[in-house]
Protein backbone atom coordinates (compact mmCIF):
# COMPACT_ATOMS: atom_id res chain seq x y z
CA UNK A 1 83.99 82.50 116.47
CA UNK A 2 85.54 86.28 116.46
CA UNK A 3 86.83 86.07 113.55
CA UNK A 4 83.43 84.75 111.80
CA UNK A 5 81.68 87.71 113.61
CA UNK A 6 84.16 90.03 111.69
CA UNK A 7 83.94 88.69 108.52
CA UNK A 8 80.00 88.79 108.62
CA UNK A 9 80.58 92.88 109.83
CA UNK A 10 82.89 93.37 107.16
CA UNK A 11 80.69 92.05 104.43
CA UNK A 12 77.64 93.68 105.79
CA UNK A 13 79.66 96.89 105.88
CA UNK A 14 80.77 96.55 102.37
CA UNK A 15 77.18 95.52 100.89
CA UNK A 16 75.89 98.63 102.35
CA UNK A 17 78.39 100.80 101.22
CA UNK A 18 77.96 99.14 97.67
CA UNK A 19 73.97 99.85 97.91
CA UNK A 20 74.30 103.17 99.29
CA UNK A 21 77.08 103.92 96.33
CA UNK A 22 74.26 103.09 94.13
CA UNK A 23 71.26 104.76 95.59
CA UNK A 24 73.43 107.99 96.09
CA UNK A 25 74.18 107.74 92.08
CA UNK A 26 70.95 107.59 90.91
CA UNK A 27 69.98 110.16 93.59
CA UNK A 28 72.50 112.66 92.55
CA UNK A 29 72.90 111.91 88.89
CA UNK A 30 69.35 110.03 87.43
CA UNK A 31 69.02 109.28 84.21
CA UNK A 32 67.30 111.33 81.86
CA UNK A 33 63.50 110.62 81.48
CA UNK A 34 61.37 110.78 78.95
CA UNK A 35 60.05 113.79 77.67
CA UNK A 36 56.72 114.90 78.38
CA UNK A 37 53.90 115.11 76.47
CA UNK A 38 53.20 118.84 74.92
CA UNK A 39 50.25 120.69 76.92
CA UNK A 40 50.02 123.89 74.95
CA UNK A 41 51.77 126.68 73.27
CA UNK A 42 51.93 129.37 76.10
CA UNK A 43 54.50 130.00 78.50
CA UNK A 44 54.56 129.13 81.83
CA UNK A 45 54.72 132.08 84.54
CA UNK A 46 58.23 131.57 85.21
CA UNK A 47 59.02 131.42 81.48
CA UNK A 48 57.43 134.68 81.18
CA UNK A 49 58.73 136.38 84.41
CA UNK A 50 62.40 135.18 82.86
CA UNK A 51 61.76 136.40 79.60
CA UNK A 52 60.36 139.80 80.95
CA UNK A 53 63.52 140.25 82.90
CA UNK A 54 65.97 139.37 80.17
CA UNK A 55 64.07 139.87 76.73
CA UNK A 56 64.30 136.42 75.91
CA UNK A 57 61.36 135.35 73.13
CA UNK A 58 58.34 133.83 74.33
CA UNK A 59 56.86 130.82 73.12
CA UNK A 60 58.37 127.08 72.30
CA UNK A 61 56.61 125.42 74.95
CA UNK A 62 55.19 123.00 73.13
CA UNK A 63 56.97 119.79 72.53
CA UNK A 64 57.57 119.63 68.36
CA UNK A 65 59.12 116.98 66.36
CA UNK A 66 62.19 118.29 65.12
CA UNK A 67 62.28 117.27 61.16
CA UNK A 68 59.32 119.32 61.07
CA UNK A 69 61.13 122.03 62.59
CA UNK A 70 64.08 121.89 60.24
CA UNK A 71 61.85 121.51 57.49
CA UNK A 72 60.16 124.93 57.58
CA UNK A 73 61.04 127.56 55.17
CA UNK A 74 63.16 130.63 55.86
CA UNK A 75 66.85 129.21 56.87
CA UNK A 76 70.24 130.05 56.08
CA UNK A 77 72.66 127.12 55.82
CA UNK A 78 76.01 126.75 57.82
CA UNK A 79 78.35 124.74 56.20
CA UNK A 80 81.95 124.77 57.77
CA UNK A 81 84.61 122.11 57.93
CA UNK A 82 83.48 121.29 61.47
CA UNK A 83 79.77 122.50 61.73
CA UNK A 84 76.52 122.04 59.94
CA UNK A 85 73.37 123.37 60.26
CA UNK A 86 71.16 126.26 59.66
CA UNK A 87 69.98 129.76 61.07
CA UNK A 88 66.25 130.20 61.60
CA UNK A 89 65.11 133.58 59.85
CA UNK A 90 62.10 133.81 62.19
CA UNK A 91 63.92 135.56 65.18
CA UNK A 92 66.98 135.28 63.59
CA UNK A 93 67.59 132.19 65.71
CA UNK A 94 70.48 129.68 65.80
CA UNK A 95 68.91 126.32 66.54
CA UNK A 96 70.54 123.68 64.11
CA UNK A 97 73.57 122.91 64.55
CA UNK A 98 75.63 119.16 64.17
CA UNK A 99 79.05 118.57 64.24
CA UNK A 100 80.59 116.81 61.47
CA UNK A 101 83.39 115.11 63.00
CA UNK A 102 81.46 113.47 65.48
CA UNK A 103 78.77 110.78 65.37
CA UNK A 104 75.87 110.49 67.36
CA UNK A 105 76.65 106.71 68.27
CA UNK A 106 79.37 104.18 67.45
CA UNK A 107 76.88 102.89 64.52
CA UNK A 108 78.33 104.15 61.41
CA UNK A 109 74.94 105.29 59.95
CA UNK A 110 73.89 107.01 62.99
CA UNK A 111 74.97 110.33 61.51
CA UNK A 112 76.57 113.35 62.85
CA UNK A 113 75.87 114.57 66.73
CA UNK A 114 73.31 117.09 67.32
CA UNK A 115 74.25 119.98 70.04
CA UNK A 116 71.46 122.69 68.84
CA UNK A 117 68.04 121.99 67.91
CA UNK A 118 64.98 124.24 67.75
CA UNK A 119 63.14 125.41 71.06
CA UNK A 120 59.91 122.88 71.85
CA UNK A 121 62.52 119.74 70.35
CA UNK A 122 63.26 116.91 72.75
CA UNK A 123 66.97 118.13 72.60
CA UNK A 124 66.47 121.86 72.30
CA UNK A 125 69.31 124.07 72.57
CA UNK A 126 69.76 127.54 70.42
CA UNK A 127 71.42 130.83 70.76
CA UNK A 128 69.77 133.99 70.06
CA UNK A 129 71.53 137.76 69.83
CA UNK A 130 68.84 140.73 70.05
CA UNK A 131 68.14 144.05 71.15
CA UNK A 132 65.80 145.81 73.36
CA UNK A 133 64.70 148.86 71.73
CA UNK A 134 63.56 151.95 74.12
CA UNK A 135 63.34 148.90 76.63
CA UNK A 136 60.83 146.69 74.64
CA UNK A 137 61.88 143.16 73.22
CA UNK A 138 60.88 142.69 69.73
CA UNK A 139 57.53 141.24 68.64
CA UNK A 140 57.16 137.25 69.77
CA UNK A 141 57.63 136.60 66.07
CA UNK A 142 60.19 138.61 63.72
CA UNK A 143 60.63 137.73 60.38
CA UNK A 144 64.56 138.67 59.39
CA UNK A 145 65.45 138.89 55.67
CA UNK A 146 69.07 137.40 54.62
CA UNK A 147 71.57 138.79 51.76
CA UNK A 148 72.82 134.65 51.46
CA UNK A 149 71.60 131.13 51.41
CA UNK A 150 75.10 129.91 52.96
CA UNK A 151 76.85 130.92 56.10
CA UNK A 152 80.58 129.49 55.04
CA UNK A 153 83.79 130.29 56.17
CA UNK A 154 84.55 132.48 53.14
CA UNK A 155 80.85 133.89 52.93
CA UNK A 156 79.70 135.91 55.78
CA UNK A 157 75.82 136.57 55.61
CA UNK A 158 73.98 139.34 56.87
CA UNK A 159 70.15 139.59 58.19
CA UNK A 160 68.12 142.34 58.51
CA UNK A 161 64.84 143.74 60.12
CA UNK A 162 63.09 146.82 60.43
CA UNK A 163 61.81 147.06 63.91
CA UNK A 164 59.70 150.35 62.95
CA UNK A 165 60.21 153.45 64.24
CA UNK A 166 62.94 154.31 62.15
CA UNK A 167 64.89 151.62 63.80
CA UNK A 168 66.53 149.11 61.42
CA UNK A 169 68.66 146.33 62.65
CA UNK A 170 71.33 144.10 60.76
CA UNK A 171 73.03 140.82 62.09
CA UNK A 172 75.91 140.05 60.07
CA UNK A 173 77.38 136.19 60.70
CA UNK A 174 80.87 134.65 59.89
CA UNK A 175 82.06 131.52 61.23
CA UNK A 176 85.63 130.39 61.33
CA UNK A 177 87.06 126.54 60.36
CA UNK A 178 86.25 125.69 63.77
CA UNK A 179 83.49 126.20 65.98
CA UNK A 180 83.39 129.81 66.21
CA UNK A 181 80.28 131.87 64.92
CA UNK A 182 80.61 136.04 64.99
CA UNK A 183 77.76 138.42 64.91
CA UNK A 184 78.01 141.87 64.77
CA UNK A 185 75.02 143.57 65.91
CA UNK A 186 74.19 146.62 63.59
CA UNK A 187 71.56 149.10 65.17
CA UNK A 188 70.54 151.97 63.10
CA UNK A 189 68.29 154.98 63.97
CA UNK A 190 67.01 156.70 60.94
CA UNK A 191 64.40 158.83 62.89
CA UNK A 192 64.65 162.26 64.21
CA UNK A 193 64.63 161.45 67.61
CA UNK A 194 66.92 159.55 69.89
CA UNK A 195 66.81 155.86 70.34
CA UNK A 196 67.73 153.46 73.70
CA UNK A 197 69.22 150.29 72.12
CA UNK A 198 70.44 147.34 74.64
CA UNK A 199 71.70 144.31 72.68
CA UNK A 200 71.41 141.04 74.75
CA UNK A 201 72.45 137.16 73.73
CA UNK A 202 70.97 134.22 75.11
CA UNK A 203 71.79 130.24 75.11
CA UNK A 204 68.80 128.26 75.87
CA UNK A 205 68.78 124.63 76.58
CA UNK A 206 67.27 121.44 78.38
CA UNK A 207 68.44 119.96 80.80
CA UNK A 208 67.17 116.46 79.95
CA UNK A 209 69.77 115.54 77.39
CA UNK A 210 72.53 117.14 79.55
CA UNK A 211 75.43 114.65 80.72
CA UNK A 212 76.22 114.05 84.14
CA UNK A 213 77.47 116.54 86.14
CA UNK A 214 80.46 114.36 88.29
CA UNK A 215 82.69 115.04 90.69
CA UNK A 216 85.59 114.27 88.72
CA UNK A 217 84.23 116.70 85.78
CA UNK A 218 81.45 119.67 85.65
CA UNK A 219 78.28 119.46 83.41
CA UNK A 220 76.10 122.20 83.50
CA UNK A 221 75.88 126.10 83.47
CA UNK A 222 79.37 127.49 83.22
CA UNK A 223 81.20 130.74 82.71
CA UNK A 224 84.61 132.90 83.13
CA UNK A 225 84.00 135.79 85.80
CA UNK A 226 87.06 138.15 86.58
CA UNK A 227 88.89 135.68 84.48
CA UNK A 228 88.27 132.88 86.92
CA UNK A 229 85.85 129.65 85.53
CA UNK A 230 82.79 128.96 88.05
CA UNK A 231 82.01 125.06 87.82
CA UNK A 232 79.75 125.39 91.39
CA UNK A 233 76.97 126.08 89.82
CA UNK A 234 74.37 123.13 88.56
CA UNK A 235 70.79 122.97 86.85
CA UNK A 236 69.49 122.37 90.46
CA UNK A 237 71.02 125.25 92.08
CA UNK A 238 69.27 127.54 88.88
CA UNK A 239 65.78 125.57 89.28
CA UNK A 240 66.16 126.60 93.19
CA UNK A 241 66.90 130.25 92.72
CA UNK A 242 65.45 130.96 89.51
CA UNK A 243 67.87 133.61 88.69
CA UNK A 244 71.98 133.45 89.45
CA UNK A 245 73.68 136.31 88.60
CA UNK A 246 77.50 135.41 89.22
CA UNK A 247 79.75 137.86 90.51
CA UNK A 248 82.69 139.18 88.80
CA UNK A 249 82.97 140.71 84.93
CA UNK A 250 81.81 138.25 82.51
CA UNK A 251 84.73 136.80 80.13
CA UNK A 252 82.03 134.06 78.66
CA UNK A 253 79.23 132.10 79.61
CA UNK A 254 76.87 129.32 78.82
CA UNK A 255 76.38 125.28 79.13
CA UNK A 256 78.72 122.34 79.16
CA UNK A 257 78.40 118.95 78.74
CA UNK A 258 81.47 116.58 79.55
CA UNK A 259 82.51 116.94 75.50
CA UNK A 260 80.37 119.78 74.30
CA UNK A 261 80.31 123.78 74.85
CA UNK A 262 78.00 126.36 73.93
CA UNK A 263 79.10 129.73 75.13
CA UNK A 264 78.18 133.57 74.35
CA UNK A 265 81.57 135.59 74.65
CA UNK A 266 80.91 139.30 74.76
CA UNK A 267 82.58 142.46 72.66
CA UNK A 268 86.06 143.10 74.25
CA UNK A 269 86.15 145.96 76.55
CA UNK A 270 82.47 145.75 77.17
CA UNK A 271 81.12 144.84 80.87
CA UNK A 272 77.14 143.16 79.96
CA UNK A 273 75.56 141.43 83.22
CA UNK A 274 75.54 138.16 82.94
CA UNK A 275 72.89 135.52 84.46
CA UNK A 276 71.62 132.08 84.71
CA UNK A 277 67.57 131.62 84.37
CA UNK A 278 65.40 128.74 84.74
CA UNK A 279 62.53 128.85 82.40
CA UNK A 280 60.38 125.89 84.03
CA UNK A 281 59.78 122.71 82.53
CA UNK A 282 63.80 121.57 82.76
CA UNK A 283 64.49 124.48 80.66
CA UNK A 284 67.26 126.98 81.21
CA UNK A 285 69.25 129.96 79.53
CA UNK A 286 72.19 131.77 80.00
CA UNK A 287 72.09 135.29 79.15
CA UNK A 288 74.27 138.49 79.12
CA UNK A 289 72.65 141.80 78.27
CA UNK A 290 74.78 144.84 77.65
CA UNK A 291 74.54 148.47 78.80
CA UNK A 292 71.79 150.75 77.02
CA UNK A 293 73.46 153.02 74.62
CA UNK A 294 71.64 156.44 73.28
CA UNK A 295 71.67 156.70 69.77
CA UNK A 296 71.34 160.01 68.55
CA UNK A 297 69.11 160.63 65.29
CA UNK A 298 71.25 159.45 62.07
CA UNK A 299 73.52 157.38 63.91
CA UNK A 300 74.40 153.71 64.02
CA UNK A 301 76.09 151.53 66.64
CA UNK A 302 77.88 147.89 66.23
CA UNK A 303 78.25 145.57 69.01
CA UNK A 304 80.17 142.60 67.91
CA UNK A 305 79.54 138.85 70.09
CA UNK A 306 80.84 135.76 69.82
CA UNK A 307 79.20 132.45 69.92
CA UNK A 308 81.20 128.73 70.42
CA UNK A 309 78.93 125.93 69.52
CA UNK A 310 81.15 122.84 69.14
CA UNK A 311 83.46 120.38 70.87
CA UNK A 312 85.79 120.36 73.73
CA UNK A 313 88.78 119.84 71.99
CA UNK A 314 91.83 121.21 74.30
CA UNK A 315 94.27 122.64 71.38
CA UNK A 316 90.57 124.43 69.96
CA UNK A 317 89.75 126.22 73.11
CA UNK A 318 93.46 126.72 74.16
CA UNK A 319 93.95 128.62 70.58
CA UNK A 320 90.87 130.24 71.27
CA UNK A 321 92.54 131.41 75.00
CA UNK A 322 95.58 132.52 73.27
CA UNK A 323 93.68 134.83 70.53
CA UNK A 324 91.85 136.75 73.44
CA UNK A 325 89.25 134.65 75.44
CA UNK A 326 90.26 134.68 79.16
CA UNK A 327 90.63 130.71 80.49
CA UNK A 328 88.80 129.51 77.59
CA UNK A 329 90.60 126.14 77.76
CA UNK A 330 89.45 125.73 80.92
CA UNK A 331 86.06 125.24 79.92
CA UNK A 332 87.62 121.72 80.15
CA UNK A 333 87.30 120.85 83.92
CA UNK A 334 91.16 119.69 84.06
CA UNK A 335 90.83 120.62 88.04
CA UNK A 336 94.15 120.90 90.35
CA UNK A 337 96.20 118.69 88.26
CA UNK A 338 96.03 120.39 85.12
CA UNK A 339 99.85 120.88 84.49
CA UNK A 340 100.25 116.97 84.75
CA UNK A 341 97.12 116.26 82.75
CA UNK A 342 97.55 118.23 79.57
CA UNK A 343 100.89 116.90 78.96
CA UNK A 344 99.29 113.34 79.25
CA UNK A 345 96.69 114.21 77.09
CA UNK A 346 99.18 115.24 74.35
CA UNK A 347 101.38 112.06 74.81
CA UNK A 348 98.17 109.96 74.45
CA UNK A 349 96.83 111.40 71.35
CA UNK A 350 100.50 110.99 69.94
CA UNK A 351 100.37 107.61 70.72
CA UNK A 352 96.92 106.76 69.28
CA UNK A 353 98.40 108.43 65.98
CA UNK A 354 101.08 105.91 65.79
CA UNK A 355 99.62 102.69 67.07
CA UNK A 356 96.04 103.57 65.23
CA UNK A 357 94.03 101.92 68.27
CA UNK A 358 92.80 104.27 71.35
CA UNK A 359 93.20 101.01 73.59
CA UNK A 360 96.52 100.07 72.64
CA UNK A 361 97.42 103.65 73.44
CA UNK A 362 95.94 103.64 76.98
CA UNK A 363 98.12 100.72 77.65
CA UNK A 364 100.90 102.07 76.47
CA UNK A 365 100.50 105.25 78.13
CA UNK A 366 100.33 103.78 81.22
CA UNK A 367 103.21 101.52 80.69
CA UNK A 368 105.35 104.88 80.29
CA UNK A 369 104.19 106.62 82.80
CA UNK A 370 104.41 103.49 85.35
CA UNK A 371 108.04 102.90 83.83
CA UNK A 372 108.78 106.68 84.67
CA UNK A 373 107.52 106.13 88.10
CA UNK A 374 109.80 103.00 88.69
CA UNK A 375 112.47 104.65 90.48
CA UNK A 376 109.98 106.34 92.83
CA UNK A 377 108.51 102.90 94.13
CA UNK A 378 112.25 101.27 93.88
CA UNK A 379 113.19 104.24 96.55
CA UNK A 380 110.36 103.07 98.65
CA UNK A 381 111.19 99.63 98.70
CA UNK A 382 114.68 100.61 99.63
CA UNK A 383 113.29 102.77 102.38
CA UNK A 384 110.87 99.85 103.65
CA UNK A 385 114.02 97.57 103.89
CA UNK A 386 115.69 99.87 105.86
CA UNK A 387 113.21 100.30 108.70
CA UNK A 388 112.64 96.57 108.27
CA UNK A 389 116.29 96.18 109.40
CA UNK A 390 116.32 98.56 112.23
CA UNK A 391 113.09 97.27 113.47
CA UNK A 392 114.59 95.32 116.33
CA UNK A 393 116.83 98.05 117.31
CA UNK A 394 113.63 100.27 117.28
CA UNK A 395 111.49 97.72 119.30
CA UNK A 396 114.52 97.88 121.99
CA UNK A 397 114.48 101.75 122.23
CA UNK A 398 110.42 101.59 122.51
CA UNK A 399 110.73 99.31 125.50
CA UNK A 400 113.69 101.09 127.52
CA UNK A 401 111.78 104.35 127.07
CA UNK A 402 108.40 103.25 127.06
CA UNK A 403 108.03 105.62 130.36
CA UNK A 404 109.83 108.69 128.84
CA UNK A 405 107.95 109.60 125.10
CA UNK A 406 110.53 112.52 124.95
CA UNK A 407 113.57 110.74 125.54
CA UNK A 408 112.34 107.65 123.47
CA UNK A 409 112.00 110.27 120.58
CA UNK A 410 115.20 111.76 120.87
CA UNK A 411 116.91 108.01 120.52
CA UNK A 412 114.95 107.06 117.83
CA UNK A 413 116.13 110.24 115.81
CA UNK A 414 119.38 109.42 116.84
CA UNK A 415 118.83 105.96 115.45
CA UNK A 416 117.61 107.12 111.80
CA UNK A 417 120.60 109.77 111.55
CA UNK A 418 123.12 106.82 112.78
CA UNK A 419 121.99 104.27 110.25
CA UNK A 420 120.84 107.45 107.46
CA UNK A 421 117.26 105.92 107.40
CA UNK A 422 114.49 108.47 106.38
CA UNK A 423 111.06 107.15 108.14
CA UNK A 424 109.25 109.31 105.89
CA UNK A 425 110.86 108.19 102.93
CA UNK A 426 108.65 105.65 102.46
CA UNK A 427 105.28 107.78 102.38
CA UNK A 428 106.72 110.16 100.07
CA UNK A 429 106.93 108.52 96.70
CA UNK A 430 103.59 107.23 97.53
CA UNK A 431 102.13 110.82 97.71
CA UNK A 432 103.77 111.96 94.80
CA UNK A 433 102.25 108.86 92.48
CA UNK A 434 98.79 109.96 93.78
CA UNK A 435 98.23 113.24 91.57
CA UNK A 436 100.01 111.51 88.82
CA UNK A 437 97.62 108.33 88.65
CA UNK A 438 94.95 110.74 89.06
CA UNK A 439 95.83 112.87 86.64
CA UNK A 440 95.93 110.34 84.02
CA UNK A 441 92.56 108.85 85.35
CA UNK A 442 90.83 112.04 84.44
CA UNK A 443 92.29 112.58 81.23
CA UNK A 444 90.86 109.60 80.26
CA UNK A 445 87.49 110.37 81.55
CA UNK A 446 87.59 113.89 79.60
CA UNK A 447 89.33 113.25 76.65
CA UNK A 448 86.75 113.32 73.69
CA UNK A 449 89.58 111.88 71.86
CA UNK A 450 88.35 108.32 73.63
CA UNK A 451 84.77 108.75 72.26
CA UNK A 452 83.68 106.00 70.28
CA UNK A 453 86.96 104.48 70.05
CA UNK A 454 86.92 100.77 69.89
CA UNK A 455 89.07 98.22 71.36
CA UNK A 456 88.48 94.29 70.83
CA UNK A 457 84.81 93.59 71.64
CA UNK A 458 84.36 97.18 72.61
CA UNK A 459 82.79 99.75 70.31
CA UNK A 460 82.93 102.83 72.65
CA UNK A 461 85.50 102.97 74.99
CA UNK A 462 84.11 106.23 76.71
CA UNK A 463 80.83 104.12 77.25
CA UNK A 464 80.46 101.06 79.98
CA UNK A 465 81.97 97.40 79.00
CA UNK A 466 78.64 96.10 77.34
CA UNK A 467 79.76 92.42 77.73
CA UNK A 468 78.65 91.83 81.46
CA UNK A 469 78.23 88.52 83.62
CA UNK A 470 74.30 88.39 83.36
CA UNK A 471 74.25 88.93 79.58
CA UNK A 472 76.42 86.46 79.42
CA UNK A 473 79.40 88.89 78.10
CA UNK A 474 76.99 89.99 75.19
CA UNK A 475 75.66 86.67 73.99
CA UNK A 476 72.13 87.84 75.46
CA UNK A 477 70.64 90.78 74.01
CA UNK A 478 69.52 93.19 76.93
CA UNK A 479 71.35 95.67 79.45
CA UNK A 480 71.48 94.47 82.78
CA UNK A 481 70.29 97.36 85.47
CA UNK A 482 72.91 99.34 87.60
CA UNK A 483 75.63 98.00 89.29
CA UNK A 484 74.40 94.12 88.21
CA UNK A 485 76.18 95.00 84.90
CA UNK A 486 79.55 93.82 85.84
CA UNK A 487 81.87 93.36 82.57
CA UNK A 488 84.98 91.69 81.60
CA UNK A 489 86.97 94.50 82.64
CA UNK A 490 85.47 95.25 85.91
CA UNK A 491 86.02 91.26 86.61
CA UNK A 492 89.48 91.85 85.70
CA UNK A 493 89.76 94.83 87.87
CA UNK A 494 88.86 93.03 90.77
CA UNK A 495 91.04 89.97 90.51
CA UNK A 496 94.17 91.80 89.52
CA UNK A 497 93.48 94.38 92.41
CA UNK A 498 92.54 91.55 94.93
CA UNK A 499 95.87 89.66 93.62
CA UNK A 500 97.85 92.72 94.39
CA UNK A 501 96.68 92.54 97.99
CA UNK A 502 97.22 89.07 97.95
CA UNK A 503 100.54 89.16 96.70
CA UNK A 504 101.64 92.08 99.80
CA UNK A 505 102.97 90.43 102.77
CA UNK A 506 102.42 93.80 105.07
CA UNK A 507 101.11 92.52 108.20
CA UNK A 508 97.74 92.87 108.97
CA UNK A 509 95.39 91.97 111.88
CA UNK A 510 92.34 89.96 110.93
CA UNK A 511 89.61 92.18 110.48
CA UNK A 512 91.90 94.52 108.41
CA UNK A 513 92.90 91.34 106.14
CA UNK A 514 89.06 90.58 105.79
CA UNK A 515 88.41 94.32 104.42
CA UNK A 516 91.41 93.99 102.09
CA UNK A 517 90.24 90.47 100.73
CA UNK A 518 86.30 92.04 100.01
CA UNK A 519 87.77 95.36 98.94
CA UNK A 520 88.84 94.37 95.58
CA UNK A 521 85.29 92.95 94.97
CA UNK A 522 83.09 95.91 96.06
CA UNK A 523 85.25 98.18 94.10
CA UNK A 524 84.34 95.73 91.23
CA UNK A 525 80.95 96.58 91.53
CA UNK A 526 81.33 100.47 91.98
CA UNK A 527 83.67 100.96 89.00
CA UNK A 528 81.55 98.71 86.48
CA UNK A 529 79.10 101.41 85.24
CA UNK A 530 82.54 103.75 84.64
CA UNK A 531 83.58 104.15 80.89
CA UNK A 532 85.69 100.82 79.32
CA UNK A 533 88.88 102.74 78.87
CA UNK A 534 89.17 103.86 82.53
CA UNK A 535 88.83 100.14 83.73
CA UNK A 536 91.27 99.28 80.98
CA UNK A 537 93.60 101.69 82.04
CA UNK A 538 93.25 100.44 86.16
CA UNK A 539 93.72 97.06 85.07
CA UNK A 540 96.73 97.45 83.26
CA UNK A 541 98.01 99.53 85.96
CA UNK A 542 96.91 96.72 88.13
CA UNK A 543 98.91 94.33 86.04
CA UNK A 544 101.99 96.38 86.04
CA UNK A 545 101.79 96.86 89.73
CA UNK A 546 101.97 92.94 90.41
CA UNK A 547 105.25 92.59 88.18
CA UNK A 548 106.94 95.65 89.87
CA UNK A 549 105.80 93.94 93.32
CA UNK A 550 106.86 90.49 92.46
CA UNK A 551 110.52 92.28 91.08
CA UNK A 552 111.07 94.38 94.16
CA UNK A 553 110.42 91.95 96.31
CA UNK A 554 113.05 89.25 94.75
CA UNK A 555 115.42 92.45 94.99
CA UNK A 556 114.72 92.96 98.47
CA UNK A 557 114.16 89.07 99.94
CA UNK A 558 114.76 90.34 103.62
CA UNK A 559 111.30 92.87 103.62
CA UNK A 560 109.16 90.19 102.45
CA UNK A 561 110.64 87.46 104.77
CA UNK A 562 110.00 89.93 107.68
CA UNK A 563 106.91 91.10 106.84
CA UNK A 564 105.68 87.31 106.28
CA UNK A 565 107.05 86.26 109.64
CA UNK A 566 105.38 89.42 111.01
CA UNK A 567 101.74 88.43 109.27
CA UNK A 568 102.47 85.01 110.67
CA UNK A 569 102.66 86.35 114.41
CA UNK A 570 99.99 88.05 114.05
CA UNK A 571 97.75 85.61 112.77
CA UNK A 572 98.96 82.88 115.26
CA UNK A 573 97.97 85.64 118.36
CA UNK A 574 95.03 86.45 116.65
CA UNK A 575 93.85 82.72 116.33
CA UNK A 576 95.21 82.31 120.14
CA UNK A 577 92.76 85.07 120.84
CA UNK A 578 89.86 83.56 119.15
CA UNK A 579 90.40 80.27 121.17
């Protein structure tokens, strides 16, 4: 009867954890809602305040059609090996960027992924370099002139604008072979009196299309300040405070998704003010404002700012860091174990190049890592076997010196020394394995290389398993909601973990045993919404654990026999107590 009550208690707690996990996930990481209908073309008070404070361009509160916005005349086309898009000559706005190497969806006809779109569109994200003249921003609509039609790595383009009162503005755009746009802002004073100019740059975006900010990887406002990357800000922080001013000199600032980054990099040796702003209506800006400069009559100043707008490919980010942008490689939220993670990523991508399938590469990488850790597991089992062998002696000492704990500890230490047994040796290998396996797990979560890669029936390993139990593993045309979407890999995860616990002869009391019996199926529900590639790694790891476990117990039969005996004794004692 007692065991039945315990079982009901464990089951109730497990269901509470499962439902609570889903509720917390939905609360902390809500799915983007439909964009609200347009209500007008006037800025909200929050937008006007932010614009006045940071020199941003007003307007664009109304929802507009993407195709119509991009079809407008007066655009300079961008065409580089990895980037396509255009610069809007109205306000000199970079608001059209797609990435040639990345598709919007696994569908071959989906077209490239879009990371920049004009203000007011459903997926708006944009960048602008401009200037305050004598403390005033330029008119709400400025029409710039270009000396070329296409911006390419071989062909820079200069935009010019007459700001009046003898102030002439020029912006020379150049782009490299990857994702970096460099803008040289030249301000000429042709008047007879000095002019005070203050260049600034902004990256603006909507949060409705942002990827989830998860504990394992940051998504949202980001930047490096005094050569330390700040992952602590999210859109809610900025919304609540309206304006966030990070401390320290800015190295770069912008917004990140799991796979994409838009960031401004200031001119070398400068110290601009950097802030994040909430503009209202799920719209935000990351802004950089240089110190005001007095330009004497007949003189010109030039400020050079860089804009990164592209994919978070580790090698490319590291190359920019090596070229002088502090901590740029850490735009990928590697965390504490990046010294393990980057070699894992390098190995994974090289295996992928050899075998041609990312799922197979994940399996091979997991096998390699488990193989390298096998000597550690052997040492752990040997230590466990040694401890089991001296267990009778330990019990005698515990009984003999039960009233003198100090003497008991001294005799125990003498026993360990005499038998050459280290009681911590069984724990240390496990502690060593935890960061390694977590690092591998995080690599798979962060690796853009896994995006849209297929494996067997799965079209995208970076997305949840599409073949779930409730849609008969893909036969029925609908997607079950939330944690009910239990896919094939999630079922295999639960089953292999259950087998791992089942084959482990560790002695546990009945309540612990019931918890370990239910835990795999609870984890099955919890892990089901995760990327299929992560589940493939975990299932592979569980299978290897089973094989390793059976092999090592075959090499240490006394260990298994002793554990089975102790387990049977505890079960008998529990049954006797229940009666």
